[in-house]
């Protein structure tokens, strides 16, 4: 199996598990946080799609604008205010679909290409950047499940 096919298959499998959580997210808890300084439920969803759309720009186009803003400004300033869980879920799904389409059409050599940004001390292969998007989603899905447990919300098994 080629790395492209592996990525596409794993990305969809990961999202399928994330989708199972959507119905359990309380829509009235968009701003809820477990502790000061943590991402709210709504911000976590926004962070997932926002970072995916920015990170994929590196292996797709060698564009660093997401990192160039995210690193100096920090996470909270670039995310803005979230008021609607369903909008964030819609954006998650739109971004996911776009990522699948863009990676499916990505030139094969970009998977093995090393992308370097000396200013950030960043040096990674295209496939590692893309697989990191999946790892990032798994990480935040686990956080979402923890938030839901703290809230006493039933969660999928």
C-alpha atoms as a PDB file:
ATOM      1  CA  UNK A   1       0.000   0.000   0.000  1.00  0.00           C
ATOM      2  CA  UNK A   2       1.333   3.441  -0.911  1.00  0.00           C
ATOM      3  CA  UNK A   3       1.695   6.119   1.764  1.00  0.00           C
ATOM      4  CA  UNK A   4      -1.026   8.209   0.072  1.00  0.00           C
ATOM      5  CA  UNK A   5      -3.513   5.340   0.323  1.00  0.00           C
ATOM      6  CA  UNK A   6      -2.494   4.635   3.888  1.00  0.00           C
ATOM      7  CA  UNK A   7      -3.013   8.272   4.854  1.00  0.00           C
ATOM      8  CA  UNK A   8      -6.405   8.525   3.143  1.00  0.00           C
ATOM      9  CA  UNK A   9      -7.632   5.288   4.682  1.00  0.00           C
ATOM     10  CA  UNK A  10      -6.404   6.144   8.177  1.00  0.00           C
ATOM     11  CA  UNK A  11      -7.700   9.724   7.983  1.00  0.00           C
ATOM     12  CA  UNK A  12     -11.196   8.489   7.183  1.00  0.00           C
ATOM     13  CA  UNK A  13     -11.071   5.773   9.861  1.00  0.00           C
ATOM     14  CA  UNK A  14      -9.967   8.333  12.438  1.00  0.00           C
ATOM     15  CA  UNK A  15     -12.720  10.752  11.455  1.00  0.00           C
ATOM     16  CA  UNK A  16     -15.318   8.001  11.655  1.00  0.00           C
ATOM     17  CA  UNK A  17     -14.428   7.544  15.323  1.00  0.00           C
ATOM     18  CA  UNK A  18     -14.486  11.304  15.889  1.00  0.00           C
ATOM     19  CA  UNK A  19     -17.924  11.575  14.255  1.00  0.00           C
ATOM     20  CA  UNK A  20     -19.282   9.120  16.804  1.00  0.00           C
ATOM     21  CA  UNK A  21     -18.710  11.785  19.477  1.00  0.00           C
ATOM     22  CA  UNK A  22     -20.570  14.631  17.748  1.00  0.00           C
ATOM     23  CA  UNK A  23     -24.053  13.733  19.045  1.00  0.00           C
ATOM     24  CA  UNK A  24     -22.772  13.650  22.635  1.00  0.00           C
ATOM     25  CA  UNK A  25     -21.315  17.162  22.669  1.00  0.00           C
ATOM     26  CA  UNK A  26     -23.721  19.380  24.629  1.00  0.00           C
ATOM     27  CA  UNK A  27     -24.629  22.289  22.378  1.00  0.00           C
ATOM     28  CA  UNK A  28     -25.201  24.560  25.384  1.00  0.00           C
ATOM     29  CA  UNK A  29     -21.634  24.028  26.678  1.00  0.00           C
ATOM     30  CA  UNK A  30     -19.772  25.680  23.803  1.00  0.00           C
ATOM     31  CA  UNK A  31     -17.695  27.809  26.214  1.00  0.00           C
ATOM     32  CA  UNK A  32     -17.229  25.207  28.946  1.00  0.00           C
ATOM     33  CA  UNK A  33     -13.656  24.585  30.102  1.00  0.00           C
ATOM     34  CA  UNK A  34     -12.423  22.101  32.716  1.00  0.00           C
ATOM     35  CA  UNK A  35      -9.816  24.567  34.009  1.00  0.00           C
ATOM     36  CA  UNK A  36      -8.613  28.092  33.413  1.00  0.00           C
ATOM     37  CA  UNK A  37      -6.410  28.332  30.331  1.00  0.00           C
ATOM     38  CA  UNK A  38      -7.818  25.189  28.694  1.00  0.00           C
ATOM     39  CA  UNK A  39      -9.560  25.130  25.346  1.00  0.00           C
ATOM     40  CA  UNK A  40     -13.342  25.228  25.600  1.00  0.00           C
ATOM     41  CA  UNK A  41     -15.413  22.533  23.897  1.00  0.00           C
ATOM     42  CA  UNK A  42     -16.082  24.896  21.006  1.00  0.00           C
ATOM     43  CA  UNK A  43     -12.496  26.099  20.711  1.00  0.00           C
ATOM     44  CA  UNK A  44     -11.194  22.552  20.659  1.00  0.00           C
ATOM     45  CA  UNK A  45     -13.394  21.765  17.666  1.00  0.00           C
ATOM     46  CA  UNK A  46     -12.303  24.969  15.943  1.00  0.00           C
ATOM     47  CA  UNK A  47      -8.658  24.236  16.709  1.00  0.00           C
ATOM     48  CA  UNK A  48      -8.960  20.812  15.063  1.00  0.00           C
ATOM     49  CA  UNK A  49     -10.205  22.067  11.710  1.00  0.00           C
ATOM     50  CA  UNK A  50      -8.238  25.304  11.786  1.00  0.00           C
ATOM     51  CA  UNK A  51      -4.917  23.584  12.409  1.00  0.00           C
ATOM     52  CA  UNK A  52      -5.631  20.864   9.840  1.00  0.00           C
ATOM     53  CA  UNK A  53      -6.323  23.455   7.152  1.00  0.00           C
ATOM     54  CA  UNK A  54      -3.103  25.288   8.051  1.00  0.00           C
ATOM     55  CA  UNK A  55      -0.762  22.356   8.565  1.00  0.00           C
ATOM     56  CA  UNK A  56      -1.698  20.657   5.281  1.00  0.00           C
ATOM     57  CA  UNK A  57      -0.504  23.770   3.424  1.00  0.00           C
ATOM     58  CA  UNK A  58       3.124  22.806   4.041  1.00  0.00           C
ATOM     59  CA  UNK A  59       3.250  19.465   2.177  1.00  0.00           C
ATOM     60  CA  UNK A  60       0.667  20.592  -0.375  1.00  0.00           C
ATOM     61  CA  UNK A  61       2.117  23.981  -1.336  1.00  0.00           C
ATOM     62  CA  UNK A  62       5.191  24.641   0.846  1.00  0.00           C
ATOM     63  CA  UNK A  63       3.208  27.447   2.529  1.00  0.00           C
ATOM     64  CA  UNK A  64       4.030  28.290   6.136  1.00  0.00           C
ATOM     65  CA  UNK A  65       1.462  31.031   6.858  1.00  0.00           C
ATOM     66  CA  UNK A  66      -0.343  29.001   9.549  1.00  0.00           C
ATOM     67  CA  UNK A  67       2.862  28.464  11.530  1.00  0.00           C
ATOM     68  CA  UNK A  68       4.024  32.027  10.876  1.00  0.00           C
ATOM     69  CA  UNK A  69       0.901  33.281  12.620  1.00  0.00           C
ATOM     70  CA  UNK A  70       0.291  30.494  15.143  1.00  0.00           C
ATOM     71  CA  UNK A  71       3.757  30.382  16.663  1.00  0.00           C
ATOM     72  CA  UNK A  72       4.264  34.073  17.481  1.00  0.00           C
ATOM     73  CA  UNK A  73       0.618  34.902  18.308  1.00  0.00           C
ATOM     74  CA  UNK A  74      -0.284  31.755  20.222  1.00  0.00           C
ATOM     75  CA  UNK A  75      -3.342  29.559  19.918  1.00  0.00           C
ATOM     76  CA  UNK A  76      -6.154  31.591  21.483  1.00  0.00           C
ATOM     77  CA  UNK A  77      -5.680  34.799  19.453  1.00  0.00           C
ATOM     78  CA  UNK A  78      -5.867  33.000  16.107  1.00  0.00           C
ATOM     79  CA  UNK A  79      -8.983  30.983  16.969  1.00  0.00           C
ATOM     80  CA  UNK A  80     -11.346  33.808  17.848  1.00  0.00           C
ATOM     81  CA  UNK A  81     -14.715  33.319  19.525  1.00  0.00           C
ATOM     82  CA  UNK A  82     -16.851  30.223  19.059  1.00  0.00           C
ATOM     83  CA  UNK A  83     -20.614  30.396  19.524  1.00  0.00           C
ATOM     84  CA  UNK A  84     -22.012  27.385  17.673  1.00  0.00           C
ATOM     85  CA  UNK A  85     -20.901  23.760  18.094  1.00  0.00           C
ATOM     86  CA  UNK A  86     -22.769  22.661  14.960  1.00  0.00           C
ATOM     87  CA  UNK A  87     -20.937  25.237  12.828  1.00  0.00           C
ATOM     88  CA  UNK A  88     -17.593  23.958  14.123  1.00  0.00           C
ATOM     89  CA  UNK A  89     -18.592  20.374  13.353  1.00  0.00           C
ATOM     90  CA  UNK A  90     -19.621  21.442   9.852  1.00  0.00           C
ATOM     91  CA  UNK A  91     -16.230  23.100   9.382  1.00  0.00           C
ATOM     92  CA  UNK A  92     -14.484  19.964  10.682  1.00  0.00           C
ATOM     93  CA  UNK A  93     -16.261  17.912   8.043  1.00  0.00           C
ATOM     94  CA  UNK A  94     -15.632  20.426   5.250  1.00  0.00           C
ATOM     95  CA  UNK A  95     -11.933  20.618   6.119  1.00  0.00           C
ATOM     96  CA  UNK A  96     -11.687  16.821   6.305  1.00  0.00           C
ATOM     97  CA  UNK A  97     -13.255  16.413   2.866  1.00  0.00           C
ATOM     98  CA  UNK A  98     -10.956  19.066   1.398  1.00  0.00           C
ATOM     99  CA  UNK A  99      -7.888  17.420   2.931  1.00  0.00           C
ATOM    100  CA  UNK A 100      -8.828  14.046   1.442  1.00  0.00           C
ATOM    101  CA  UNK A 101      -9.346  15.577  -2.005  1.00  0.00           C
ATOM    102  CA  UNK A 102      -6.157  17.638  -1.906  1.00  0.00           C
ATOM    103  CA  UNK A 103      -3.949  14.806  -0.656  1.00  0.00           C
ATOM    104  CA  UNK A 104      -5.455  12.405  -3.198  1.00  0.00           C
ATOM    105  CA  UNK A 105      -4.292  14.800  -5.930  1.00  0.00           C
ATOM    106  CA  UNK A 106      -0.931  15.689  -4.340  1.00  0.00           C
ATOM    107  CA  UNK A 107       2.151  14.859  -6.419  1.00  0.00           C
ATOM    108  CA  UNK A 108       3.704  11.634  -5.055  1.00  0.00           C
ATOM    109  CA  UNK A 109       7.161  13.134  -4.596  1.00  0.00           C
ATOM    110  CA  UNK A 110       5.811  15.588  -2.000  1.00  0.00           C
ATOM    111  CA  UNK A 111       5.210  12.728   0.447  1.00  0.00           C
ATOM    112  CA  UNK A 112       8.968  12.037   0.605  1.00  0.00           C
ATOM    113  CA  UNK A 113      10.057  15.662   0.238  1.00  0.00           C
ATOM    114  CA  UNK A 114      11.631  17.230   3.321  1.00  0.00           C
ATOM    115  CA  UNK A 115      10.055  20.536   4.263  1.00  0.00           C
ATOM    116  CA  UNK A 116      12.297  22.891   6.172  1.00  0.00           C
ATOM    117  CA  UNK A 117      11.687  26.159   7.972  1.00  0.00           C
ATOM    118  CA  UNK A 118      14.907  27.193   9.648  1.00  0.00           C
ATOM    119  CA  UNK A 119      13.227  29.938  11.687  1.00  0.00           C
ATOM    120  CA  UNK A 120      11.035  27.404  13.469  1.00  0.00           C
ATOM    121  CA  UNK A 121      13.621  24.626  13.563  1.00  0.00           C
ATOM    122  CA  UNK A 122      11.163  22.590  11.528  1.00  0.00           C
ATOM    123  CA  UNK A 123      12.333  19.725   9.306  1.00  0.00           C
ATOM    124  CA  UNK A 124       9.878  16.969   8.348  1.00  0.00           C
ATOM    125  CA  UNK A 125       8.923  14.774   5.443  1.00  0.00           C
ATOM    126  CA  UNK A 126       5.574  15.456   3.800  1.00  0.00           C
ATOM    127  CA  UNK A 127       4.125  12.134   4.927  1.00  0.00           C
ATOM    128  CA  UNK A 128       5.125  12.846   8.561  1.00  0.00           C
ATOM    129  CA  UNK A 129       3.358  16.211   8.484  1.00  0.00           C
ATOM    130  CA  UNK A 130       0.210  14.631   7.087  1.00  0.00           C
ATOM    131  CA  UNK A 131       0.244  11.725   9.538  1.00  0.00           C
ATOM    132  CA  UNK A 132       0.657  14.306  12.296  1.00  0.00           C
ATOM    133  CA  UNK A 133      -2.767  15.702  11.354  1.00  0.00           C
ATOM    134  CA  UNK A 134      -4.259  12.316  12.192  1.00  0.00           C
ATOM    135  CA  UNK A 135      -2.326  12.050  15.457  1.00  0.00           C
ATOM    136  CA  UNK A 136      -3.489  15.550  16.396  1.00  0.00           C
ATOM    137  CA  UNK A 137      -7.131  14.595  15.853  1.00  0.00           C
ATOM    138  CA  UNK A 138      -6.761  11.459  17.988  1.00  0.00           C
ATOM    139  CA  UNK A 139      -5.190  13.537  20.773  1.00  0.00           C
ATOM    140  CA  UNK A 140      -8.020  16.074  20.815  1.00  0.00           C
ATOM    141  CA  UNK A 141     -10.702  13.425  20.452  1.00  0.00           C
ATOM    142  CA  UNK A 142      -9.391  11.905  23.670  1.00  0.00           C
ATOM    143  CA  UNK A 143      -9.545  15.343  25.294  1.00  0.00           C
ATOM    144  CA  UNK A 144     -13.130  15.789  24.117  1.00  0.00           C
ATOM    145  CA  UNK A 145     -14.067  12.437  25.616  1.00  0.00           C
ATOM    146  CA  UNK A 146     -12.442  13.447  28.900  1.00  0.00           C
ATOM    147  CA  UNK A 147     -14.372  16.737  28.888  1.00  0.00           C
ATOM    148  CA  UNK A 148     -17.618  14.852  28.287  1.00  0.00           C
ATOM    149  CA  UNK A 149     -16.890  12.459  31.149  1.00  0.00           C
ATOM    150  CA  UNK A 150     -16.192  15.399  33.488  1.00  0.00           C
ATOM    151  CA  UNK A 151     -19.531  16.906  32.449  1.00  0.00           C
ATOM    152  CA  UNK A 152     -21.266  13.591  33.168  1.00  0.00           C
ATOM    153  CA  UNK A 153     -22.313  13.237  29.561  1.00  0.00           C
ATOM    154  CA  UNK A 154     -22.786   9.699  28.281  1.00  0.00           C
ATOM    155  CA  UNK A 155     -20.118   8.887  25.707  1.00  0.00           C
ATOM    156  CA  UNK A 156     -19.881   6.213  23.018  1.00  0.00           C
ATOM    157  CA  UNK A 157     -18.248   2.961  24.116  1.00  0.00           C
END
